[in-house]
Amino acid sequence: MAHSMIEAFEQVALIEDLSDFGFKAGDVGTVVDVTPNGKQLTLEFFNFLGETVAVISVRPEQVRRVEQNEVMHARPVESA
């Protein structure tokens, strides 16, 4: 999958757990920044009230685009 095409403000899903932050594969975040070289993405994770839960930097290979035929899943997460 070509990761270089992910842009700011896209929603992406983690493809691996980020245990240090309490996030799991499948959790959805919004890309809020992409480094100029494309090697780092900053994701913002929100709760269903629209409040920021965490802002985390990841590598593009740790995420994938969210597809139209997918649904969101709810689970509690500790605020980072």
C-alpha atoms as a PDB file:
ATOM      1  CA  MET A   1       0.000   0.000   0.000  1.00  0.00           C
ATOM      2  CA  ALA A   2       1.362   3.439  -0.894  1.00  0.00           C
ATOM      3  CA  HIS A   3       1.597   5.403   2.324  1.00  0.00           C
ATOM      4  CA  SER A   4       3.096   8.544   0.815  1.00  0.00           C
ATOM      5  CA  MET A   5      -0.324   9.682  -0.353  1.00  0.00           C
ATOM      6  CA  ILE A   6      -1.719  10.160   3.177  1.00  0.00           C
ATOM      7  CA  GLU A   7      -2.379  13.852   3.721  1.00  0.00           C
ATOM      8  CA  ALA A   8      -3.315  16.163   6.566  1.00  0.00           C
ATOM      9  CA  PHE A   9      -6.905  15.915   7.813  1.00  0.00           C
ATOM     10  CA  GLU A  10      -7.422  12.369   6.545  1.00  0.00           C
ATOM     11  CA  GLN A  11      -8.735   9.768   8.954  1.00  0.00           C
ATOM     12  CA  VAL A  12      -6.497   6.730   9.320  1.00  0.00           C
ATOM     13  CA  ALA A  13      -6.610   3.507  11.335  1.00  0.00           C
ATOM     14  CA  LEU A  14      -3.686   2.098  13.260  1.00  0.00           C
ATOM     15  CA  ILE A  15      -2.463  -1.244  11.921  1.00  0.00           C
ATOM     16  CA  GLU A  16      -0.528  -2.053  15.078  1.00  0.00           C
ATOM     17  CA  ASP A  17      -1.036  -1.488  18.791  1.00  0.00           C
ATOM     18  CA  LEU A  18       0.608   1.540  20.385  1.00  0.00           C
ATOM     19  CA  SER A  19       0.705   0.013  23.843  1.00  0.00           C
ATOM     20  CA  ASP A  20       2.696   2.873  25.362  1.00  0.00           C
ATOM     21  CA  PHE A  21      -0.245   5.169  24.600  1.00  0.00           C
ATOM     22  CA  GLY A  22      -3.128   2.725  25.178  1.00  0.00           C
ATOM     23  CA  PHE A  23      -4.188   2.566  21.539  1.00  0.00           C
ATOM     24  CA  LYS A  24      -4.942  -0.595  19.586  1.00  0.00           C
ATOM     25  CA  ALA A  25      -4.854  -1.604  15.938  1.00  0.00           C
ATOM     26  CA  GLY A  26      -8.049  -0.347  14.341  1.00  0.00           C
ATOM     27  CA  ASP A  27      -8.293   2.828  16.432  1.00  0.00           C
ATOM     28  CA  VAL A  28      -9.024   5.814  14.194  1.00  0.00           C
ATOM     29  CA  GLY A  29      -7.152   9.103  14.325  1.00  0.00           C
ATOM     30  CA  THR A  30      -7.007  12.233  12.209  1.00  0.00           C
ATOM     31  CA  VAL A  31      -3.750  13.230  10.536  1.00  0.00           C
ATOM     32  CA  VAL A  32      -2.980  16.768  11.716  1.00  0.00           C
ATOM     33  CA  ASP A  33       0.561  17.049  10.365  1.00  0.00           C
ATOM     34  CA  VAL A  34       2.840  15.340   7.865  1.00  0.00           C
ATOM     35  CA  THR A  35       6.572  16.039   7.961  1.00  0.00           C
ATOM     36  CA  PRO A  36       7.980  17.477   4.717  1.00  0.00           C
ATOM     37  CA  ASN A  37       9.848  14.219   4.043  1.00  0.00           C
ATOM     38  CA  GLY A  38       6.652  12.208   4.686  1.00  0.00           C
ATOM     39  CA  LYS A  39       8.357   9.946   7.227  1.00  0.00           C
ATOM     40  CA  GLN A  40       6.323  11.043  10.252  1.00  0.00           C
ATOM     41  CA  LEU A  41       2.611  11.682  10.757  1.00  0.00           C
ATOM     42  CA  THR A  42       1.044  13.402  13.734  1.00  0.00           C
ATOM     43  CA  LEU A  43      -2.319  11.903  14.631  1.00  0.00           C
ATOM     44  CA  GLU A  44      -4.974  13.401  16.865  1.00  0.00           C
ATOM     45  CA  PHE A  45      -7.377  11.022  18.543  1.00  0.00           C
ATOM     46  CA  PHE A  46     -10.793  12.289  19.633  1.00  0.00           C
ATOM     47  CA  ASN A  47     -13.540  10.899  21.842  1.00  0.00           C
ATOM     48  CA  PHE A  48     -17.149  10.947  20.619  1.00  0.00           C
ATOM     49  CA  LEU A  49     -17.669  14.381  22.209  1.00  0.00           C
ATOM     50  CA  GLY A  50     -14.986  15.783  19.901  1.00  0.00           C
ATOM     51  CA  GLU A  51     -12.479  16.278  22.713  1.00  0.00           C
ATOM     52  CA  THR A  52      -8.822  15.494  22.074  1.00  0.00           C
ATOM     53  CA  VAL A  53      -7.691  12.321  23.835  1.00  0.00           C
ATOM     54  CA  ALA A  54      -4.110  12.236  22.525  1.00  0.00           C
ATOM     55  CA  VAL A  55      -1.750  13.603  19.883  1.00  0.00           C
ATOM     56  CA  ILE A  56       0.834  11.035  18.799  1.00  0.00           C
ATOM     57  CA  SER A  57       3.529  10.862  16.125  1.00  0.00           C
ATOM     58  CA  VAL A  58       3.681   7.664  14.056  1.00  0.00           C
ATOM     59  CA  ARG A  59       5.410   6.357  10.965  1.00  0.00           C
ATOM     60  CA  PRO A  60       3.238   6.064   7.824  1.00  0.00           C
ATOM     61  CA  GLU A  61       3.647   2.269   7.813  1.00  0.00           C
ATOM     62  CA  GLN A  62       1.851   2.127  11.196  1.00  0.00           C
ATOM     63  CA  VAL A  63      -1.456   3.331   9.689  1.00  0.00           C
ATOM     64  CA  ARG A  64      -3.793   2.758   6.785  1.00  0.00           C
ATOM     65  CA  ARG A  65      -6.572   4.755   5.201  1.00  0.00           C
ATOM     66  CA  VAL A  66     -10.068   4.274   6.546  1.00  0.00           C
ATOM     67  CA  GLU A  67     -12.337   2.805   3.872  1.00  0.00           C
ATOM     68  CA  GLN A  68     -15.936   3.881   3.214  1.00  0.00           C
ATOM     69  CA  ASN A  69     -17.397   0.473   4.080  1.00  0.00           C
ATOM     70  CA  GLU A  70     -15.878   0.404   7.601  1.00  0.00           C
ATOM     71  CA  VAL A  71     -17.593   1.279  10.861  1.00  0.00           C
ATOM     72  CA  MET A  72     -16.167   2.865  13.993  1.00  0.00           C
ATOM     73  CA  HIS A  73     -15.949   0.910  17.229  1.00  0.00           C
ATOM     74  CA  ALA A  74     -16.270   2.389  20.713  1.00  0.00           C
ATOM     75  CA  ARG A  75     -14.041   1.467  23.675  1.00  0.00           C
ATOM     76  CA  PRO A  76     -12.692   3.405  26.642  1.00  0.00           C
ATOM     77  CA  VAL A  77      -9.174   4.849  26.474  1.00  0.00           C
ATOM     78  CA  GLU A  78      -7.295   6.636  29.211  1.00  0.00           C
ATOM     79  CA  SER A  79      -6.455  10.226  28.309  1.00  0.00           C
ATOM     80  CA  ALA A  80      -2.774  10.587  27.505  1.00  0.00           C
END
